[in-house]
Amino acid sequence: MVVGDVTLAIAVGALGASLTVTNAVTQQSPLSWSVWAAAGAHLIGGLALIARRRAPLAVVMLCAVLCAFAAPLAGPFATYAIAVHGRGRPRDWSAVIVLSMTLGRPWSDSGPVLEILLNTATNSLLGIAPALLGMWRASRRRLFQALADRADRAEREQELMAEKARSEERARLAGEMHDVVTHRVSLMVLRAGALRTIARDEVVREAAEELRQVGCQALEELRDLVGVLRSEETFGSARTAEPVMLDLTGLVAESRAAGIEVGLVTEGEPLPTPPVVDRTAYRVVQEALTNVHKHAPGARVTVRVGYAGDLLRVSVCNTEAEGGTTVMLGEGGTGLSGLRQRVELVHGSLWAGPSEEGGFEVRAALPVAPGAGSAGRTAGHGPEGEWAGRTAGHGAEGGSTPRTAGHGPGAAVPYPAAESAGVIRVSP
């Protein structure tokens, strides 16, 4: 835009000055000071057009003053600019009228007064016509801007209505989940407690107590999830709540107690994370370990937790199953699809697919800052950085049987040395 303004200004000024000098030479008139003054007036008026966008009134007044030497070729450009870029104040239009009347230089004419007035009115059109054209363009631009603003406002209102509908649906689902699932789990906890009380076998009592504790933990986590689902405001507050440390040791110990060889590795300095990110990372690992129990009995598993800048990275990788039968833990869950949606809810990214060792791997990258989104928002793309992912589509979502997938909270603790297989074992 600046280059165009400078080019136009130089062209108009040079054209006006050259026409003045050429006209004098053609008429074989001496190149007196008046000729050079007129050429200078054209050149100065043209160069003044550089500022026509920022100070259109000053350019118009300068052109009116230059009319004392010659009617500058920049005059019509100046009146057009003040109509387009001016503020439409009375003094702006007063300046346009003054310049339009002086463009004809009526004081230099000789003849009847009526003829002088007629020539002045005719020459004033050179200033008024561009001003009217500028008014039309400015009005058209304002109209288009108003239409664009109205469209944006309508789009924002539509988005707000859709968001309100989503929030209401989330609240309805949260209520249904609370009324149905909580009721069933509560019954399970009560019956497990009753079984612990009346059972005579110590093993049965211990199993009943363990079942009761798991049910109580499920109820607590369900209440947290229902609170997150109730509204976007609740979810936002969860993102900015007091940070907590991710702790996966209990989850890993449970898997080892169930017969899975699991190693836990921490890379980087453990940092506190928002509770919603903490729960999401926990769920990723939990789902992955659950799928190992279901689909890869006897496999060795490595859980990695990495802290790098504003990202929390978790990875669960298992080897091929070394025997055993598939454990039937029930079907009907959302699997990797639901897990991906949960990760994307916190603006993270998830990748799941076969590992290089022939097993299965799940990777997730979660932003730990409330406004961070560097982990990516598009499903199907892997976490960024050292654990870069590929395209999802394996396991439950791709039609093949998954061997891992994940869920859960945690501050992974460094463990001693790795064995040759690369698995760091966790002591029970």
Protein backbone atom coordinates (compact mmCIF):
# COMPACT_ATOMS: atom_id res chain seq x y z
CA MET A 1 0.00 0.00 0.00
CA VAL A 2 2.81 2.43 0.84
CA VAL A 3 4.61 1.64 -2.41
CA GLY A 4 1.40 2.24 -4.35
CA ASP A 5 0.82 5.60 -2.62
CA VAL A 6 4.37 6.75 -3.34
CA THR A 7 4.15 5.62 -6.97
CA LEU A 8 0.84 7.44 -7.50
CA ALA A 9 2.13 10.61 -5.84
CA ILE A 10 5.28 10.73 -7.96
CA ALA A 11 3.35 9.94 -11.14
CA VAL A 12 0.72 12.65 -10.57
CA GLY A 13 3.29 15.27 -9.57
CA ALA A 14 5.62 14.50 -12.46
CA LEU A 15 2.75 14.42 -14.99
CA GLY A 16 1.38 17.78 -13.88
CA ALA A 17 4.81 19.45 -13.90
CA SER A 18 5.75 18.00 -17.30
CA LEU A 19 2.43 19.06 -18.85
CA THR A 20 2.93 22.61 -17.61
CA VAL A 21 6.45 22.89 -19.04
CA THR A 22 5.47 21.13 -22.28
CA ASN A 23 2.49 23.45 -22.76
CA ALA A 24 4.72 26.52 -22.35
CA VAL A 25 7.26 25.17 -24.84
CA THR A 26 4.51 24.28 -27.33
CA GLN A 27 3.06 27.79 -27.17
CA GLN A 28 6.60 29.16 -27.57
CA SER A 29 6.19 31.06 -24.31
CA PRO A 30 9.28 31.98 -22.28
CA LEU A 31 9.97 29.67 -19.30
CA SER A 32 9.40 32.42 -16.78
CA TRP A 33 9.20 32.06 -13.03
CA SER A 34 5.41 31.67 -13.24
CA VAL A 35 5.83 28.56 -15.42
CA TRP A 36 8.29 27.05 -12.99
CA ALA A 37 6.07 28.04 -10.05
CA ALA A 38 3.13 26.27 -11.67
CA ALA A 39 5.27 23.18 -12.35
CA GLY A 40 6.44 23.24 -8.73
CA ALA A 41 2.84 23.51 -7.54
CA HIS A 42 1.94 20.40 -9.52
CA LEU A 43 4.94 18.52 -8.16
CA ILE A 44 4.31 19.52 -4.53
CA GLY A 45 0.61 18.69 -4.79
CA GLY A 46 1.42 15.29 -6.26
CA LEU A 47 3.96 14.44 -3.57
CA ALA A 48 1.44 15.49 -0.90
CA LEU A 49 -0.79 12.61 -1.99
CA ILE A 50 1.55 10.28 -0.06
CA ALA A 51 -0.23 11.47 3.11
CA ARG A 52 -3.76 11.39 1.68
CA ARG A 53 -4.78 8.39 3.83
CA ARG A 54 -3.41 9.68 7.13
CA ALA A 55 -4.12 13.43 6.74
CA PRO A 56 -6.61 13.95 3.87
CA LEU A 57 -7.75 17.36 5.17
CA ALA A 58 -4.21 18.73 5.18
CA VAL A 59 -3.68 17.54 1.60
CA VAL A 60 -6.90 19.24 0.42
CA MET A 61 -5.97 22.54 2.11
CA LEU A 62 -2.47 22.38 0.60
CA CYS A 63 -3.92 21.87 -2.88
CA ALA A 64 -6.24 24.85 -2.32
CA VAL A 65 -3.23 27.03 -1.45
CA LEU A 66 -1.27 25.78 -4.48
CA CYS A 67 -4.14 26.95 -6.72
CA ALA A 68 -2.63 30.41 -6.32
CA PHE A 69 0.08 29.27 -8.75
CA ALA A 70 -1.72 26.58 -10.76
CA ALA A 71 -4.63 24.19 -10.43
CA PRO A 72 -2.73 21.10 -9.25
CA LEU A 73 -3.48 17.81 -10.94
CA ALA A 74 -3.59 16.27 -7.45
CA GLY A 75 -6.76 18.24 -6.55
CA PRO A 76 -9.35 15.63 -7.68
CA PHE A 77 -7.32 12.87 -5.99
CA ALA A 78 -7.31 14.89 -2.77
CA THR A 79 -11.10 15.41 -2.72
CA TYR A 80 -11.64 11.70 -3.42
CA ALA A 81 -9.26 10.77 -0.59
CA ILE A 82 -10.98 13.00 1.98
CA ALA A 83 -14.35 11.44 1.12
CA VAL A 84 -12.98 7.91 1.50
CA HIS A 85 -10.53 8.30 4.38
CA GLY A 86 -11.91 11.39 6.13
CA ARG A 87 -14.28 11.46 9.07
CA GLY A 88 -17.12 13.22 7.28
CA ARG A 89 -16.89 16.30 9.50
CA PRO A 90 -18.30 19.68 8.33
CA ARG A 91 -14.82 21.15 8.01
CA ASP A 92 -13.83 18.31 5.68
CA TRP A 93 -16.64 19.18 3.28
CA SER A 94 -15.92 22.91 3.66
CA ALA A 95 -12.37 22.19 2.51
CA VAL A 96 -13.72 20.19 -0.47
CA ILE A 97 -15.96 23.10 -1.53
CA VAL A 98 -13.12 25.61 -1.21
CA LEU A 99 -10.76 23.47 -3.29
CA SER A 100 -13.44 22.79 -5.91
CA MET A 101 -14.12 26.51 -6.30
CA THR A 102 -10.43 27.39 -6.57
CA LEU A 103 -9.54 24.70 -9.09
CA GLY A 104 -10.95 26.94 -11.83
CA ARG A 105 -8.83 29.90 -10.62
CA PRO A 106 -11.62 32.43 -11.34
CA TRP A 107 -9.37 35.37 -10.43
CA SER A 108 -7.20 34.70 -13.46
CA ASP A 109 -10.11 34.89 -15.95
CA SER A 110 -11.20 38.02 -17.77
CA GLY A 111 -14.61 38.52 -19.29
CA PRO A 112 -18.22 38.86 -18.27
CA VAL A 113 -19.06 37.94 -14.70
CA LEU A 114 -21.68 35.45 -15.82
CA GLU A 115 -19.12 33.62 -17.93
CA ILE A 116 -16.64 33.56 -15.06
CA LEU A 117 -19.28 32.12 -12.71
CA LEU A 118 -20.26 29.50 -15.29
CA ASN A 119 -16.64 28.46 -15.80
CA THR A 120 -16.07 28.31 -12.05
CA ALA A 121 -19.13 26.10 -11.52
CA THR A 122 -18.05 23.83 -14.36
CA ASN A 123 -14.47 23.56 -13.11
CA SER A 124 -15.68 22.88 -9.57
CA LEU A 125 -17.04 19.57 -10.81
CA LEU A 126 -13.40 18.42 -11.03
CA GLY A 127 -13.34 18.44 -7.23
CA ILE A 128 -16.97 17.63 -6.38
CA ALA A 129 -17.36 14.61 -8.69
CA PRO A 130 -14.41 12.67 -7.16
CA ALA A 131 -15.71 13.56 -3.69
CA LEU A 132 -19.14 12.11 -4.53
CA LEU A 133 -17.47 9.00 -5.92
CA GLY A 134 -15.47 8.68 -2.72
CA MET A 135 -18.66 9.07 -0.66
CA TRP A 136 -20.25 6.20 -2.60
CA ARG A 137 -17.25 3.98 -2.12
CA ALA A 138 -17.01 4.75 1.61
CA SER A 139 -20.73 4.07 2.03
CA ARG A 140 -20.40 0.78 0.14
CA ARG A 141 -17.44 -0.24 2.27
CA ARG A 142 -19.36 0.54 5.47
CA LEU A 143 -22.30 -1.47 4.19
CA PHE A 144 -20.12 -4.49 3.46
CA GLN A 145 -18.48 -4.15 6.85
CA ALA A 146 -21.88 -4.02 8.55
CA LEU A 147 -23.00 -7.12 6.66
CA ALA A 148 -19.80 -8.93 7.61
CA ASP A 149 -20.25 -7.93 11.26
CA ARG A 150 -23.84 -9.12 11.18
CA ALA A 151 -22.76 -12.45 9.70
CA ASP A 152 -20.04 -12.83 12.34
CA ARG A 153 -22.51 -11.96 15.06
CA ALA A 154 -25.02 -14.49 13.74
CA GLU A 155 -22.27 -17.13 13.58
CA ARG A 156 -21.21 -16.37 17.15
CA GLU A 157 -24.80 -16.57 18.32
CA GLN A 158 -25.21 -19.89 16.55
CA GLU A 159 -22.05 -21.19 18.17
CA LEU A 160 -23.27 -20.02 21.58
CA MET A 161 -26.61 -21.76 21.04
CA ALA A 162 -24.85 -24.94 19.96
CA GLU A 163 -22.54 -24.70 22.97
CA LYS A 164 -25.52 -24.20 25.24
CA ALA A 165 -27.20 -27.26 23.72
CA ARG A 166 -24.02 -29.28 24.22
CA SER A 167 -23.76 -28.13 27.82
CA GLU A 168 -27.37 -29.08 28.48
CA GLU A 169 -26.82 -32.47 26.89
CA ARG A 170 -23.66 -32.97 28.94
CA ALA A 171 -25.60 -32.09 32.08
CA ARG A 172 -28.38 -34.52 31.12
CA LEU A 173 -25.87 -37.30 30.47
CA ALA A 174 -24.15 -36.52 33.75
CA GLY A 175 -27.46 -36.83 35.57
CA GLU A 176 -28.26 -40.13 33.86
CA MET A 177 -24.79 -41.44 34.63
CA HIS A 178 -25.09 -40.37 38.23
CA ASP A 179 -28.57 -41.86 38.70
CA VAL A 180 -27.96 -45.18 36.93
CA VAL A 181 -24.28 -46.07 37.21
CA THR A 182 -23.80 -44.68 40.71
CA HIS A 183 -26.81 -46.64 41.94
CA ARG A 184 -25.48 -49.92 40.54
CA VAL A 185 -21.96 -49.39 41.83
CA SER A 186 -23.30 -48.41 45.25
CA LEU A 187 -25.23 -51.67 45.40
CA MET A 188 -22.08 -53.54 44.48
CA VAL A 189 -20.14 -51.80 47.26
CA LEU A 190 -22.85 -52.52 49.83
CA ARG A 191 -23.06 -56.18 48.87
CA ALA A 192 -19.27 -56.51 48.95
CA GLY A 193 -19.29 -55.00 52.45
CA ALA A 194 -22.00 -57.38 53.56
CA LEU A 195 -20.07 -60.33 52.10
CA ARG A 196 -16.95 -59.28 53.99
CA THR A 197 -18.95 -59.22 57.22
CA ILE A 198 -20.62 -62.61 56.91
CA ALA A 199 -17.88 -64.58 55.15
CA ARG A 200 -15.99 -67.09 57.26
CA ASP A 201 -13.11 -67.68 54.84
CA GLU A 202 -10.30 -65.12 55.24
CA VAL A 203 -9.55 -65.21 51.51
CA VAL A 204 -13.18 -64.40 50.70
CA ARG A 205 -13.19 -61.55 53.22
CA GLU A 206 -10.04 -60.07 51.72
CA ALA A 207 -11.46 -60.35 48.20
CA ALA A 208 -14.73 -58.74 49.32
CA GLU A 209 -12.84 -55.88 51.00
CA GLU A 210 -10.75 -55.34 47.89
CA LEU A 211 -13.91 -55.29 45.78
CA ARG A 212 -15.51 -52.80 48.17
CA GLN A 213 -12.48 -50.48 48.02
CA VAL A 214 -12.39 -50.62 44.22
CA GLY A 215 -16.09 -49.79 44.14
CA CYS A 216 -15.60 -46.84 46.49
CA GLN A 217 -12.77 -45.56 44.32
CA ALA A 218 -14.98 -45.94 41.24
CA LEU A 219 -17.73 -43.92 42.95
CA GLU A 220 -15.30 -41.14 43.82
CA GLU A 221 -13.93 -40.98 40.28
CA LEU A 222 -17.46 -41.10 38.88
CA ARG A 223 -18.39 -38.08 40.98
CA ASP A 224 -15.39 -36.21 39.58
CA LEU A 225 -16.36 -37.16 36.03
CA VAL A 226 -19.96 -36.09 36.55
CA GLY A 227 -18.74 -32.76 37.87
CA VAL A 228 -16.61 -32.29 34.76
CA LEU A 229 -19.52 -33.15 32.48
CA ARG A 230 -22.03 -30.83 34.08
CA SER A 231 -20.79 -27.65 32.40
CA GLU A 232 -17.93 -26.11 30.46
CA GLU A 233 -17.34 -23.78 33.41
CA THR A 234 -16.75 -26.79 35.66
CA PHE A 235 -14.35 -28.24 33.11
CA GLY A 236 -12.51 -24.93 32.88
CA SER A 237 -12.16 -24.77 36.65
CA ALA A 238 -10.76 -28.29 36.61
CA ARG A 239 -8.08 -27.13 34.20
CA THR A 240 -7.04 -24.30 36.51
CA ALA A 241 -7.47 -26.08 39.86
CA GLU A 242 -4.60 -26.76 42.23
CA PRO A 243 -2.00 -28.88 40.37
CA VAL A 244 -1.28 -32.41 41.59
CA MET A 245 1.50 -34.92 41.03
CA LEU A 246 0.85 -37.82 38.68
CA ASP A 247 1.20 -41.10 40.59
CA LEU A 248 1.07 -44.37 38.64
CA THR A 249 2.79 -46.59 41.18
CA GLY A 250 -0.47 -47.96 42.61
CA LEU A 251 -1.82 -48.71 39.16
CA VAL A 252 1.38 -50.48 38.15
CA ALA A 253 1.43 -52.46 41.41
CA GLU A 254 -2.15 -53.63 40.81
CA SER A 255 -1.22 -54.89 37.35
CA ARG A 256 1.82 -56.71 38.72
CA ALA A 257 -0.35 -58.29 41.41
CA ALA A 258 -2.65 -59.50 38.62
CA GLY A 259 0.31 -61.30 36.96
CA ILE A 260 1.52 -58.72 34.39
CA GLU A 261 5.22 -57.85 34.35
CA VAL A 262 5.22 -54.03 34.31
CA GLY A 263 8.07 -51.53 34.39
CA LEU A 264 7.64 -47.82 35.17
CA VAL A 265 10.10 -45.24 33.82
CA THR A 266 10.15 -41.47 34.38
CA GLU A 267 11.96 -39.15 31.99
CA GLY A 268 12.57 -35.57 33.06
CA GLU A 269 11.76 -33.81 36.31
CA PRO A 270 8.24 -34.68 37.57
CA LEU A 271 6.05 -31.56 37.68
CA PRO A 272 2.57 -30.90 39.10
CA THR A 273 -0.23 -31.03 36.51
CA PRO A 274 -3.85 -29.80 36.52
CA PRO A 275 -6.22 -32.41 37.99
CA VAL A 276 -8.06 -32.95 34.70
CA VAL A 277 -4.76 -33.63 32.91
CA ASP A 278 -3.68 -35.87 35.76
CA ARG A 279 -6.88 -37.93 35.50
CA THR A 280 -6.59 -38.13 31.72
CA ALA A 281 -3.01 -39.44 31.89
CA TYR A 282 -4.07 -41.93 34.53
CA ARG A 283 -6.94 -43.14 32.34
CA VAL A 284 -4.65 -43.60 29.36
CA VAL A 285 -2.35 -45.87 31.32
CA GLN A 286 -5.25 -47.64 33.02
CA GLU A 287 -7.01 -48.43 29.74
CA ALA A 288 -3.75 -49.60 28.18
CA LEU A 289 -3.00 -51.95 31.05
CA THR A 290 -6.58 -53.23 31.01
CA ASN A 291 -6.25 -54.13 27.35
CA VAL A 292 -2.98 -55.92 28.08
CA HIS A 293 -4.80 -58.03 30.69
CA LYS A 294 -7.57 -58.76 28.17
CA HIS A 295 -5.65 -59.35 24.95
CA ALA A 296 -1.97 -59.98 25.73
CA PRO A 297 -1.62 -62.25 28.77
CA GLY A 298 1.99 -62.96 29.65
CA ALA A 299 3.31 -59.90 27.81
CA ARG A 300 5.87 -57.57 29.36
CA VAL A 301 4.82 -53.92 29.65
CA THR A 302 6.78 -50.70 29.93
CA VAL A 303 5.05 -47.54 31.14
CA ARG A 304 6.92 -44.32 30.37
CA VAL A 305 6.15 -40.87 31.74
CA GLY A 306 8.00 -37.91 30.23
CA TYR A 307 8.04 -34.26 31.24
CA ALA A 308 9.18 -31.85 28.53
CA GLY A 309 8.29 -28.18 28.74
CA ASP A 310 4.52 -27.70 28.63
CA LEU A 311 3.84 -31.32 27.66
CA LEU A 312 3.23 -34.43 29.72
CA ARG A 313 3.86 -37.56 27.65
CA VAL A 314 2.75 -41.03 28.66
CA SER A 315 3.46 -44.24 26.77
CA VAL A 316 2.41 -47.84 27.40
CA CYS A 317 4.16 -50.47 25.28
CA ASN A 318 3.80 -54.23 25.59
CA THR A 319 5.56 -57.13 23.92
CA GLU A 320 3.81 -60.00 22.19
CA ALA A 321 1.72 -62.30 24.34
CA GLU A 322 3.79 -65.23 25.59
CA GLY A 323 0.94 -67.60 26.26
CA GLY A 324 -2.17 -67.88 28.30
CA THR A 325 -5.76 -67.38 27.33
CA THR A 326 -7.55 -64.15 26.63
CA VAL A 327 -9.29 -62.88 29.73
CA MET A 328 -12.97 -62.02 29.25
CA LEU A 329 -13.51 -58.73 31.09
CA GLY A 330 -16.64 -57.68 29.25
CA GLU A 331 -17.19 -55.70 26.11
CA GLY A 332 -19.14 -52.59 25.17
CA GLY A 333 -16.61 -49.92 26.18
CA THR A 334 -15.56 -47.07 23.93
CA GLY A 335 -11.94 -48.25 23.80
CA LEU A 336 -9.45 -46.18 21.89
CA SER A 337 -12.18 -44.00 20.37
CA GLY A 338 -13.44 -42.86 23.76
CA LEU A 339 -9.89 -42.52 25.01
CA ARG A 340 -9.00 -40.28 22.08
CA GLN A 341 -12.02 -38.09 22.76
CA ARG A 342 -11.00 -37.76 26.38
CA VAL A 343 -7.45 -36.79 25.41
CA GLU A 344 -8.68 -34.26 22.85
CA LEU A 345 -10.95 -32.74 25.50
CA VAL A 346 -7.80 -31.41 27.21
CA HIS A 347 -6.30 -30.43 23.80
CA GLY A 348 -3.93 -33.38 23.72
CA SER A 349 -3.19 -36.00 21.08
CA LEU A 350 -3.23 -39.80 21.12
CA TRP A 351 -1.60 -42.44 18.94
CA ALA A 352 -2.11 -46.20 19.17
CA GLY A 353 -0.77 -48.96 16.97
CA PRO A 354 1.61 -51.92 16.66
CA SER A 355 5.07 -51.46 18.15
CA GLU A 356 8.35 -52.30 16.47
CA GLU A 357 8.80 -55.29 18.79
CA GLY A 358 5.58 -56.92 17.55
CA GLY A 359 3.41 -55.85 20.45
CA PHE A 360 1.16 -52.80 20.82
CA GLU A 361 1.78 -49.27 22.00
CA VAL A 362 -0.31 -46.31 23.14
CA ARG A 363 1.16 -42.80 23.31
CA ALA A 364 -0.42 -39.59 24.54
CA ALA A 365 0.85 -36.02 24.77
CA LEU A 366 -1.07 -33.72 27.11
CA PRO A 367 -0.51 -29.96 27.60
CA VAL A 368 -0.01 -29.16 31.27
CA ALA A 369 -0.68 -25.40 30.93
CA PRO A 370 -4.38 -24.26 30.88
CA GLY A 371 -3.96 -22.41 27.53
CA ALA A 372 -1.49 -24.77 25.91
CA GLY A 373 -2.49 -26.69 22.84
CA SER A 374 0.85 -27.68 21.41
CA ALA A 375 0.10 -31.35 21.84
CA GLY A 376 -2.31 -31.10 18.92
CA ARG A 377 -6.07 -31.30 18.60
CA THR A 378 -6.59 -33.52 15.61
CA ALA A 379 -7.44 -37.14 16.08
CA GLY A 380 -5.19 -39.54 14.32
CA HIS A 381 -1.96 -37.62 14.78
CA GLY A 382 0.62 -38.76 17.26
CA PRO A 383 2.18 -36.78 20.08
CA GLU A 384 4.85 -34.35 19.08
CA GLY A 385 8.54 -34.45 19.91
CA GLU A 386 10.62 -37.47 20.78
CA TRP A 387 7.60 -39.77 20.98
CA ALA A 388 6.18 -38.64 17.64
CA GLY A 389 3.17 -40.66 16.67
CA ARG A 390 1.69 -41.91 13.46
CA THR A 391 -1.87 -42.57 12.31
CA ALA A 392 -4.34 -44.35 14.58
CA GLY A 393 -6.64 -46.96 13.19
CA HIS A 394 -5.42 -50.11 14.86
CA GLY A 395 -6.84 -52.06 17.72
CA ALA A 396 -10.48 -51.61 18.58
CA GLU A 397 -10.94 -48.79 16.11
CA GLY A 398 -9.18 -50.35 13.18
CA GLY A 399 -10.78 -53.74 13.34
CA SER A 400 -7.87 -55.68 14.84
CA THR A 401 -7.70 -56.78 18.45
CA PRO A 402 -5.96 -54.21 20.63
CA ARG A 403 -3.20 -55.26 23.00
CA THR A 404 -3.04 -52.03 24.97
CA ALA A 405 -4.86 -48.78 25.47
CA GLY A 406 -4.97 -46.50 28.46
CA HIS A 407 -6.58 -44.43 31.35
CA GLY A 408 -5.65 -42.88 34.98
CA PRO A 409 -3.54 -39.94 37.84
CA GLY A 410 0.39 -40.07 38.61
CA ALA A 411 4.18 -38.93 39.51
CA ALA A 412 6.15 -41.70 38.11
CA VAL A 413 9.16 -42.51 40.19
CA PRO A 414 12.53 -43.36 38.69
CA TYR A 415 13.45 -46.99 39.02
CA PRO A 416 16.95 -48.46 39.02
CA ALA A 417 18.40 -50.06 35.97
CA ALA A 418 16.76 -51.63 32.96
CA GLU A 419 17.22 -55.21 32.00
CA SER A 420 18.32 -56.27 28.59
CA ALA A 421 14.72 -56.35 27.39
CA GLY A 422 14.34 -52.68 28.27
CA VAL A 423 11.73 -53.33 31.00
CA ILE A 424 12.25 -51.77 34.41
CA ARG A 425 10.56 -53.96 36.96
CA VAL A 426 8.61 -52.52 39.85
CA SER A 427 8.93 -54.31 43.17
CA PRO A 428 5.61 -55.34 44.62
